[in-house]
Amino acid sequence: EQIDENIAGIKKVFSAYIDYDTEAENKALMLNNAEWLDDLNYL
C-alpha cells in the first residue's frame, strides 16, 4: 500500500517534463515492473 501511494506521488513529477499524451511515435511510456516481477515463480 505504501509503495502504491509513493508511486502515485512520484508520477506527478514526470508529466511536467515528459509527454505521455502525444500521438507521435515517440510517445513516452509509464510502466511498473511489478507487472512482471510480482508473479514470478521462484524455482
All heavy atoms as atom14 arrays in JSON, in Angstrom:
{
  "sequence": "EQIDENIAGIKKVFSAYIDYDTEAENKALMLNNAEWLDDLNYL",
  "atom14_mask": [
    [1, 1, 1, 1, 1, 1, 1, 1, 1, 0, 0, 0, 0, 0],
    [1, 1, 1, 1, 1, 1, 1, 1, 1, 0, 0, 0, 0, 0],
    [1, 1, 1, 1, 1, 1, 1, 1, 0, 0, 0, 0, 0, 0],
    [1, 1, 1, 1, 1, 1, 1, 1, 0, 0, 0, 0, 0, 0],
    [1, 1, 1, 1, 1, 1, 1, 1, 1, 0, 0, 0, 0, 0],
    [1, 1, 1, 1, 1, 1, 1, 1, 0, 0, 0, 0, 0, 0],
    [1, 1, 1, 1, 1, 1, 1, 1, 0, 0, 0, 0, 0, 0],
    [1, 1, 1, 1, 1, 0, 0, 0, 0, 0, 0, 0, 0, 0],
    [1, 1, 1, 1, 0, 0, 0, 0, 0, 0, 0, 0, 0, 0],
    [1, 1, 1, 1, 1, 1, 1, 1, 0, 0, 0, 0, 0, 0],
    [1, 1, 1, 1, 1, 1, 1, 1, 1, 0, 0, 0, 0, 0],
    [1, 1, 1, 1, 1, 1, 1, 1, 1, 0, 0, 0, 0, 0],
    [1, 1, 1, 1, 1, 1, 1, 0, 0, 0, 0, 0, 0, 0],
    [1, 1, 1, 1, 1, 1, 1, 1, 1, 1, 1, 0, 0, 0],
    [1, 1, 1, 1, 1, 1, 0, 0, 0, 0, 0, 0, 0, 0],
    [1, 1, 1, 1, 1, 0, 0, 0, 0, 0, 0, 0, 0, 0],
    [1, 1, 1, 1, 1, 1, 1, 1, 1, 1, 1, 1, 0, 0],
    [1, 1, 1, 1, 1, 1, 1, 1, 0, 0, 0, 0, 0, 0],
    [1, 1, 1, 1, 1, 1, 1, 1, 0, 0, 0, 0, 0, 0],
    [1, 1, 1, 1, 1, 1, 1, 1, 1, 1, 1, 1, 0, 0],
    [1, 1, 1, 1, 1, 1, 1, 1, 0, 0, 0, 0, 0, 0],
    [1, 1, 1, 1, 1, 1, 1, 0, 0, 0, 0, 0, 0, 0],
    [1, 1, 1, 1, 1, 1, 1, 1, 1, 0, 0, 0, 0, 0],
    [1, 1, 1, 1, 1, 0, 0, 0, 0, 0, 0, 0, 0, 0],
    [1, 1, 1, 1, 1, 1, 1, 1, 1, 0, 0, 0, 0, 0],
    [1, 1, 1, 1, 1, 1, 1, 1, 0, 0, 0, 0, 0, 0],
    [1, 1, 1, 1, 1, 1, 1, 1, 1, 0, 0, 0, 0, 0],
    [1, 1, 1, 1, 1, 0, 0, 0, 0, 0, 0, 0, 0, 0],
    [1, 1, 1, 1, 1, 1, 1, 1, 0, 0, 0, 0, 0, 0],
    [1, 1, 1, 1, 1, 1, 1, 1, 0, 0, 0, 0, 0, 0],
    [1, 1, 1, 1, 1, 1, 1, 1, 0, 0, 0, 0, 0, 0],
    [1, 1, 1, 1, 1, 1, 1, 1, 0, 0, 0, 0, 0, 0],
    [1, 1, 1, 1, 1, 1, 1, 1, 0, 0, 0, 0, 0, 0],
    [1, 1, 1, 1, 1, 0, 0, 0, 0, 0, 0, 0, 0, 0],
    [1, 1, 1, 1, 1, 1, 1, 1, 1, 0, 0, 0, 0, 0],
    [1, 1, 1, 1, 1, 1, 1, 1, 1, 1, 1, 1, 1, 1],
    [1, 1, 1, 1, 1, 1, 1, 1, 0, 0, 0, 0, 0, 0],
    [1, 1, 1, 1, 1, 1, 1, 1, 0, 0, 0, 0, 0, 0],
    [1, 1, 1, 1, 1, 1, 1, 1, 0, 0, 0, 0, 0, 0],
    [1, 1, 1, 1, 1, 1, 1, 1, 0, 0, 0, 0, 0, 0],
    [1, 1, 1, 1, 1, 1, 1, 1, 0, 0, 0, 0, 0, 0],
    [1, 1, 1, 1, 1, 1, 1, 1, 1, 1, 1, 1, 0, 0],
    [1, 1, 1, 1, 1, 1, 1, 1, 0, 0, 0, 0, 0, 0]
  ],
  "atom14_positions": [
    [[0.83, -1.21, 0.0], [0.0, 0.0, 0.0], [0.86, 1.26, 0.0], [0.57, 2.23, -0.7], [-0.94, 0.0, 1.21], [-2.07, -1.02, 1.1], [-3.03, -0.95, 2.27], [-2.85, -0.05, 3.14], [-3.96, -1.78, 2.31], [0.0, 0.0, 0.0], [0.0, 0.0, 0.0], [0.0, 0.0, 0.0], [0.0, 0.0, 0.0], [0.0, 0.0, 0.0]],
    [[1.94, 1.25, 0.82], [2.83, 2.4, 0.87], [3.55, 2.6, -0.46], [3.71, 3.72, -0.94], [3.87, 2.22, 2.0], [4.8, 3.43, 2.17], [4.07, 4.67, 2.6], [3.49, 4.72, 3.67], [4.07, 5.7, 1.74], [0.0, 0.0, 0.0], [0.0, 0.0, 0.0], [0.0, 0.0, 0.0], [0.0, 0.0, 0.0], [0.0, 0.0, 0.0]],
    [[3.96, 1.5, -1.08], [4.64, 1.57, -2.38], [3.7, 2.17, -3.43], [4.08, 3.06, -4.2], [5.14, 0.18, -2.82], [6.3, -0.26, -1.92], [5.58, 0.19, -4.29], [6.75, -1.69, -2.13], [0.0, 0.0, 0.0], [0.0, 0.0, 0.0], [0.0, 0.0, 0.0], [0.0, 0.0, 0.0], [0.0, 0.0, 0.0], [0.0, 0.0, 0.0]],
    [[2.44, 1.7, -3.45], [1.47, 2.23, -4.42], [1.22, 3.72, -4.18], [1.08, 4.51, -5.14], [0.14, 1.46, -4.32], [0.25, 0.05, -4.89], [1.24, -0.24, -5.6], [-0.65, -0.77, -4.59], [0.0, 0.0, 0.0], [0.0, 0.0, 0.0], [0.0, 0.0, 0.0], [0.0, 0.0, 0.0], [0.0, 0.0, 0.0], [0.0, 0.0, 0.0]],
    [[1.15, 4.11, -2.91], [0.95, 5.52, -2.57], [2.14, 6.36, -3.03], [1.98, 7.46, -3.57], [0.76, 5.65, -1.05], [0.26, 7.0, -0.6], [-0.01, 7.06, 0.9], [-0.37, 6.0, 1.49], [0.15, 8.14, 1.48], [0.0, 0.0, 0.0], [0.0, 0.0, 0.0], [0.0, 0.0, 0.0], [0.0, 0.0, 0.0], [0.0, 0.0, 0.0]],
    [[3.35, 5.82, -2.83], [4.55, 6.54, -3.27], [4.59, 6.68, -4.79], [4.96, 7.75, -5.3], [5.81, 5.81, -2.78], [6.02, 5.93, -1.27], [5.32, 6.69, -0.6], [6.96, 5.18, -0.76], [0.0, 0.0, 0.0], [0.0, 0.0, 0.0], [0.0, 0.0, 0.0], [0.0, 0.0, 0.0], [0.0, 0.0, 0.0], [0.0, 0.0, 0.0]],
    [[4.22, 5.62, -5.5], [4.22, 5.67, -6.97], [3.24, 6.74, -7.46], [3.55, 7.51, -8.38], [3.87, 4.29, -7.56], [5.06, 3.33, -7.38], [3.5, 4.4, -9.04], [4.79, 1.9, -7.81], [0.0, 0.0, 0.0], [0.0, 0.0, 0.0], [0.0, 0.0, 0.0], [0.0, 0.0, 0.0], [0.0, 0.0, 0.0], [0.0, 0.0, 0.0]],
    [[2.08, 6.82, -6.83], [1.09, 7.84, -7.22], [1.67, 9.25, -7.05], [1.44, 10.13, -7.89], [-0.18, 7.68, -6.38], [0.0, 0.0, 0.0], [0.0, 0.0, 0.0], [0.0, 0.0, 0.0], [0.0, 0.0, 0.0], [0.0, 0.0, 0.0], [0.0, 0.0, 0.0], [0.0, 0.0, 0.0], [0.0, 0.0, 0.0], [0.0, 0.0, 0.0]],
    [[2.44, 9.45, -5.99], [3.07, 10.75, -5.77], [4.17, 11.04, -6.77], [4.27, 12.15, -7.31], [0.0, 0.0, 0.0], [0.0, 0.0, 0.0], [0.0, 0.0, 0.0], [0.0, 0.0, 0.0], [0.0, 0.0, 0.0], [0.0, 0.0, 0.0], [0.0, 0.0, 0.0], [0.0, 0.0, 0.0], [0.0, 0.0, 0.0], [0.0, 0.0, 0.0]],
    [[4.98, 10.04, -7.06], [6.11, 10.22, -7.97], [5.64, 10.5, -9.4], [6.24, 11.3, -10.12], [7.02, 8.96, -7.94], [7.76, 8.88, -6.6], [8.02, 8.98, -9.08], [8.49, 7.58, -6.38], [0.0, 0.0, 0.0], [0.0, 0.0, 0.0], [0.0, 0.0, 0.0], [0.0, 0.0, 0.0], [0.0, 0.0, 0.0], [0.0, 0.0, 0.0]],
    [[4.55, 9.86, -9.81], [4.06, 10.04, -11.18], [3.73, 11.49, -11.49], [3.81, 11.92, -12.65], [2.81, 9.17, -11.4], [3.12, 7.69, -11.64], [1.84, 6.91, -11.9], [2.13, 5.46, -12.25], [0.89, 4.69, -12.48], [0.0, 0.0, 0.0], [0.0, 0.0, 0.0], [0.0, 0.0, 0.0], [0.0, 0.0, 0.0], [0.0, 0.0, 0.0]],
    [[3.36, 12.27, -10.46], [3.01, 13.68, -10.68], [4.18, 14.47, -11.27], [3.98, 15.44, -12.0], [2.59, 14.33, -9.36], [1.35, 13.75, -8.72], [1.12, 14.4, -7.35], [0.0, 13.73, -6.58], [-0.13, 14.3, -5.21], [0.0, 0.0, 0.0], [0.0, 0.0, 0.0], [0.0, 0.0, 0.0], [0.0, 0.0, 0.0], [0.0, 0.0, 0.0]],
    [[5.38, 14.06, -10.93], [6.57, 14.8, -11.36], [6.76, 14.73, -12.87], [7.05, 15.73, -13.52], [7.83, 14.25, -10.65], [9.1, 14.85, -11.25], [7.77, 14.49, -9.15], [0.0, 0.0, 0.0], [0.0, 0.0, 0.0], [0.0, 0.0, 0.0], [0.0, 0.0, 0.0], [0.0, 0.0, 0.0], [0.0, 0.0, 0.0], [0.0, 0.0, 0.0]],
    [[6.58, 13.55, -13.43], [7.05, 13.3, -14.79], [6.28, 14.05, -15.86], [6.85, 14.44, -16.89], [7.03, 11.79, -15.09], [8.06, 11.03, -14.32], [7.7, 10.28, -13.21], [9.39, 11.09, -14.68], [8.65, 9.59, -12.49], [10.36, 10.4, -13.97], [9.98, 9.65, -12.86], [0.0, 0.0, 0.0], [0.0, 0.0, 0.0], [0.0, 0.0, 0.0]],
    [[4.99, 14.27, -15.65], [4.18, 14.9, -16.7], [4.64, 16.33, -16.99], [4.36, 16.87, -18.07], [2.7, 14.88, -16.32], [2.5, 15.55, -15.09], [0.0, 0.0, 0.0], [0.0, 0.0, 0.0], [0.0, 0.0, 0.0], [0.0, 0.0, 0.0], [0.0, 0.0, 0.0], [0.0, 0.0, 0.0], [0.0, 0.0, 0.0], [0.0, 0.0, 0.0]],
    [[5.35, 16.95, -16.06], [5.88, 18.3, -16.29], [7.07, 18.28, -17.25], [7.37, 19.29, -17.9], [6.29, 18.95, -14.97], [0.0, 0.0, 0.0], [0.0, 0.0, 0.0], [0.0, 0.0, 0.0], [0.0, 0.0, 0.0], [0.0, 0.0, 0.0], [0.0, 0.0, 0.0], [0.0, 0.0, 0.0], [0.0, 0.0, 0.0], [0.0, 0.0, 0.0]],
    [[7.74, 17.14, -17.36], [8.97, 17.05, -18.14], [8.84, 16.22, -19.41], [9.59, 16.43, -20.36], [10.08, 16.43, -17.27], [10.52, 17.3, -16.12], [9.89, 17.21, -14.88], [11.56, 18.2, -16.26], [10.29, 18.01, -13.82], [11.96, 19.0, -15.22], [11.32, 18.9, -14.0], [11.72, 19.69, -12.94], [0.0, 0.0, 0.0], [0.0, 0.0, 0.0]],
    [[7.93, 15.25, -19.39], [7.89, 14.25, -20.47], [6.46, 14.15, -20.99], [5.5, 14.21, -20.21], [8.36, 12.87, -19.92], [9.8, 12.99, -19.4], [8.3, 11.8, -21.01], [10.23, 11.85, -18.53], [0.0, 0.0, 0.0], [0.0, 0.0, 0.0], [0.0, 0.0, 0.0], [0.0, 0.0, 0.0], [0.0, 0.0, 0.0], [0.0, 0.0, 0.0]],
    [[6.31, 13.98, -22.31], [4.99, 13.96, -22.93], [4.51, 12.51, -23.1], [5.05, 11.75, -23.9], [5.08, 14.65, -24.3], [3.7, 14.87, -24.93], [2.71, 14.37, -24.37], [3.64, 15.55, -25.97], [0.0, 0.0, 0.0], [0.0, 0.0, 0.0], [0.0, 0.0, 0.0], [0.0, 0.0, 0.0], [0.0, 0.0, 0.0], [0.0, 0.0, 0.0]],
    [[3.47, 12.17, -22.32], [2.87, 10.84, -22.41], [1.62, 10.84, -23.29], [1.03, 9.78, -23.51], [2.48, 10.34, -21.01], [3.64, 10.18, -20.07], [4.05, 11.22, -19.25], [4.36, 8.98, -20.01], [5.14, 11.09, -18.4], [5.44, 8.83, -19.16], [5.82, 9.89, -18.36], [6.9, 9.75, -17.51], [0.0, 0.0, 0.0], [0.0, 0.0, 0.0]],
    [[1.22, 12.01, -23.78], [-0.07, 12.14, -24.47], [0.06, 12.38, -25.96], [-0.94, 12.37, -26.68], [-0.88, 13.29, -23.85], [-1.17, 13.05, -22.37], [-1.49, 11.89, -22.02], [-1.06, 14.0, -21.58], [0.0, 0.0, 0.0], [0.0, 0.0, 0.0], [0.0, 0.0, 0.0], [0.0, 0.0, 0.0], [0.0, 0.0, 0.0], [0.0, 0.0, 0.0]],
    [[1.26, 12.62, -26.45], [1.44, 12.91, -27.87], [1.0, 11.73, -28.73], [1.05, 10.58, -28.31], [2.91, 13.25, -28.17], [3.06, 13.49, -29.58], [3.84, 12.11, -27.79], [0.0, 0.0, 0.0], [0.0, 0.0, 0.0], [0.0, 0.0, 0.0], [0.0, 0.0, 0.0], [0.0, 0.0, 0.0], [0.0, 0.0, 0.0], [0.0, 0.0, 0.0]],
    [[0.57, 12.04, -29.93], [0.21, 11.0, -30.89], [1.43, 10.56, -31.71], [1.34, 9.68, -32.55], [-0.88, 11.51, -31.84], [-2.21, 11.81, -31.15], [-2.8, 10.59, -30.45], [-2.79, 9.49, -31.05], [-3.26, 10.73, -29.3], [0.0, 0.0, 0.0], [0.0, 0.0, 0.0], [0.0, 0.0, 0.0], [0.0, 0.0, 0.0], [0.0, 0.0, 0.0]],
    [[2.55, 11.19, -31.45], [3.77, 10.89, -32.21], [4.32, 9.52, -31.84], [3.96, 8.91, -30.82], [4.82, 11.96, -31.95], [0.0, 0.0, 0.0], [0.0, 0.0, 0.0], [0.0, 0.0, 0.0], [0.0, 0.0, 0.0], [0.0, 0.0, 0.0], [0.0, 0.0, 0.0], [0.0, 0.0, 0.0], [0.0, 0.0, 0.0], [0.0, 0.0, 0.0]],
    [[5.23, 9.05, -32.69], [5.84, 7.73, -32.5], [6.61, 7.66, -31.19], [6.72, 6.59, -30.58], [6.79, 7.46, -33.68], [7.47, 6.1, -33.65], [8.48, 5.93, -34.77], [8.82, 6.93, -35.45], [8.96, 4.8, -34.96], [0.0, 0.0, 0.0], [0.0, 0.0, 0.0], [0.0, 0.0, 0.0], [0.0, 0.0, 0.0], [0.0, 0.0, 0.0]],
    [[7.13, 8.79, -30.73], [7.97, 8.78, -29.52], [7.18, 9.15, -28.26], [7.72, 9.74, -27.33], [9.18, 9.69, -29.69], [8.82, 11.16, -29.82], [7.72, 11.5, -30.23], [9.76, 12.04, -29.48], [0.0, 0.0, 0.0], [0.0, 0.0, 0.0], [0.0, 0.0, 0.0], [0.0, 0.0, 0.0], [0.0, 0.0, 0.0], [0.0, 0.0, 0.0]],
    [[5.9, 8.79, -28.22], [5.09, 8.97, -27.01], [5.73, 8.22, -25.85], [6.07, 7.04, -25.94], [3.68, 8.42, -27.26], [2.78, 8.41, -26.05], [1.41, 7.82, -26.39], [0.5, 7.78, -25.19], [-0.85, 7.24, -25.53], [0.0, 0.0, 0.0], [0.0, 0.0, 0.0], [0.0, 0.0, 0.0], [0.0, 0.0, 0.0], [0.0, 0.0, 0.0]],
    [[5.9, 8.91, -24.71], [6.52, 8.29, -23.55], [5.63, 7.22, -22.93], [4.4, 7.29, -23.02], [6.85, 9.35, -22.5], [0.0, 0.0, 0.0], [0.0, 0.0, 0.0], [0.0, 0.0, 0.0], [0.0, 0.0, 0.0], [0.0, 0.0, 0.0], [0.0, 0.0, 0.0], [0.0, 0.0, 0.0], [0.0, 0.0, 0.0], [0.0, 0.0, 0.0]],
    [[6.26, 6.23, -22.31], [5.53, 5.17, -21.62], [5.82, 5.24, -20.12], [6.95, 5.49, -19.71], [5.96, 3.8, -22.14], [5.71, 3.48, -23.61], [6.27, 2.1, -23.95], [4.22, 3.55, -23.93], [0.0, 0.0, 0.0], [0.0, 0.0, 0.0], [0.0, 0.0, 0.0], [0.0, 0.0, 0.0], [0.0, 0.0, 0.0], [0.0, 0.0, 0.0]],
    [[4.79, 5.02, -19.32], [4.92, 4.9, -17.87], [4.59, 3.45, -17.51], [3.45, 3.01, -17.69], [3.98, 5.85, -17.16], [3.93, 5.7, -15.65], [5.32, 6.47, -14.79], [4.95, 8.22, -15.01], [0.0, 0.0, 0.0], [0.0, 0.0, 0.0], [0.0, 0.0, 0.0], [0.0, 0.0, 0.0], [0.0, 0.0, 0.0], [0.0, 0.0, 0.0]],
    [[5.59, 2.7, -17.02], [5.39, 1.28, -16.71], [5.75, 1.0, -15.26], [6.37, 1.82, -14.58], [6.27, 0.43, -17.65], [6.07, 0.64, -19.16], [7.12, -0.15, -19.94], [4.66, 0.24, -19.59], [0.0, 0.0, 0.0], [0.0, 0.0, 0.0], [0.0, 0.0, 0.0], [0.0, 0.0, 0.0], [0.0, 0.0, 0.0], [0.0, 0.0, 0.0]],
    [[5.37, -0.19, -14.79], [5.63, -0.6, -13.42], [6.18, -2.03, -13.45], [5.53, -2.93, -13.98], [4.33, -0.55, -12.61], [4.54, -0.81, -11.12], [5.5, -1.47, -10.72], [3.63, -0.31, -10.3], [0.0, 0.0, 0.0], [0.0, 0.0, 0.0], [0.0, 0.0, 0.0], [0.0, 0.0, 0.0], [0.0, 0.0, 0.0], [0.0, 0.0, 0.0]],
    [[7.37, -2.24, -12.89], [7.96, -3.58, -13.01], [7.27, -4.64, -12.15], [7.56, -5.83, -12.27], [9.48, -3.56, -12.74], [9.86, -3.11, -11.35], [9.05, -3.08, -10.43], [11.13, -2.77, -11.18], [0.0, 0.0, 0.0], [0.0, 0.0, 0.0], [0.0, 0.0, 0.0], [0.0, 0.0, 0.0], [0.0, 0.0, 0.0], [0.0, 0.0, 0.0]],
    [[6.33, -4.21, -11.3], [5.51, -5.19, -10.58], [4.71, -6.05, -11.57], [4.34, -7.19, -11.26], [4.57, -4.49, -9.6], [0.0, 0.0, 0.0], [0.0, 0.0, 0.0], [0.0, 0.0, 0.0], [0.0, 0.0, 0.0], [0.0, 0.0, 0.0], [0.0, 0.0, 0.0], [0.0, 0.0, 0.0], [0.0, 0.0, 0.0], [0.0, 0.0, 0.0]],
    [[4.48, -5.49, -12.76], [3.71, -6.2, -13.79], [4.33, -7.54, -14.13], [3.62, -8.51, -14.39], [3.63, -5.31, -15.04], [2.82, -5.88, -16.18], [2.83, -4.99, -17.4], [3.08, -3.77, -17.25], [2.59, -5.5, -18.51], [0.0, 0.0, 0.0], [0.0, 0.0, 0.0], [0.0, 0.0, 0.0], [0.0, 0.0, 0.0], [0.0, 0.0, 0.0]],
    [[5.66, -7.62, -14.15], [6.29, -8.9, -14.46], [7.05, -9.52, -13.28], [7.33, -10.7, -13.28], [7.24, -8.78, -15.66], [8.24, -7.67, -15.58], [9.44, -7.66, -14.93], [8.11, -6.39, -16.19], [10.07, -6.46, -15.09], [9.28, -5.66, -15.87], [7.14, -5.78, -16.98], [9.5, -4.35, -16.31], [7.36, -4.48, -17.42], [8.52, -3.78, -17.08]],
    [[7.34, -8.74, -12.24], [8.09, -9.28, -11.11], [7.18, -9.95, -10.07], [7.57, -10.94, -9.45], [8.93, -8.2, -10.43], [10.07, -7.6, -11.25], [10.82, -6.55, -10.42], [11.04, -8.68, -11.72], [0.0, 0.0, 0.0], [0.0, 0.0, 0.0], [0.0, 0.0, 0.0], [0.0, 0.0, 0.0], [0.0, 0.0, 0.0], [0.0, 0.0, 0.0]],
    [[5.98, -9.39, -9.87], [5.11, -9.89, -8.78], [4.7, -11.34, -8.96], [4.48, -12.05, -7.98], [3.86, -9.02, -8.67], [4.08, -7.77, -7.82], [5.24, -7.56, -7.38], [3.12, -7.01, -7.59], [0.0, 0.0, 0.0], [0.0, 0.0, 0.0], [0.0, 0.0, 0.0], [0.0, 0.0, 0.0], [0.0, 0.0, 0.0], [0.0, 0.0, 0.0]],
    [[4.58, -11.79, -10.18], [4.05, -13.14, -10.42], [5.11, -14.15, -10.83], [4.79, -15.23, -11.35], [2.95, -13.08, -11.5], [1.74, -12.26, -11.05], [1.44, -12.3, -9.84], [1.14, -11.58, -11.89], [0.0, 0.0, 0.0], [0.0, 0.0, 0.0], [0.0, 0.0, 0.0], [0.0, 0.0, 0.0], [0.0, 0.0, 0.0], [0.0, 0.0, 0.0]],
    [[6.38, -13.82, -10.61], [7.45, -14.76, -10.95], [7.37, -16.02, -10.1], [7.11, -15.94, -8.89], [8.82, -14.11, -10.75], [9.27, -13.08, -11.79], [10.6, -12.47, -11.35], [9.4, -13.71, -13.17], [0.0, 0.0, 0.0], [0.0, 0.0, 0.0], [0.0, 0.0, 0.0], [0.0, 0.0, 0.0], [0.0, 0.0, 0.0], [0.0, 0.0, 0.0]],
    [[7.59, -17.16, -10.72], [7.73, -18.42, -9.98], [9.2, -18.56, -9.59], [10.08, -18.54, -10.44], [7.29, -19.58, -10.87], [7.44, -20.93, -10.17], [8.56, -21.38, -9.93], [6.33, -21.55, -9.86], [0.0, 0.0, 0.0], [0.0, 0.0, 0.0], [0.0, 0.0, 0.0], [0.0, 0.0, 0.0], [0.0, 0.0, 0.0], [0.0, 0.0, 0.0]],
    [[9.45, -18.69, -8.29], [10.82, -18.61, -7.8], [11.73, -19.69, -8.41], [12.83, -19.39, -8.89], [10.82, -18.74, -6.27], [12.18, -18.52, -5.64], [12.87, -17.33, -5.83], [12.77, -19.5, -4.85], [14.11, -17.12, -5.25], [14.01, -19.31, -4.26], [14.68, -18.11, -4.47], [15.91, -17.91, -3.9], [0.0, 0.0, 0.0], [0.0, 0.0, 0.0]],
    [[11.26, -20.92, -8.45], [12.1, -22.0, -8.98], [12.36, -21.82, -10.47], [13.5, -22.01, -10.95], [11.46, -23.36, -8.71], [11.49, -23.83, -7.25], [10.76, -25.17, -7.1], [12.92, -23.97, -6.75], [0.0, 0.0, 0.0], [0.0, 0.0, 0.0], [0.0, 0.0, 0.0], [0.0, 0.0, 0.0], [0.0, 0.0, 0.0], [0.0, 0.0, 0.0]]
  ]
}
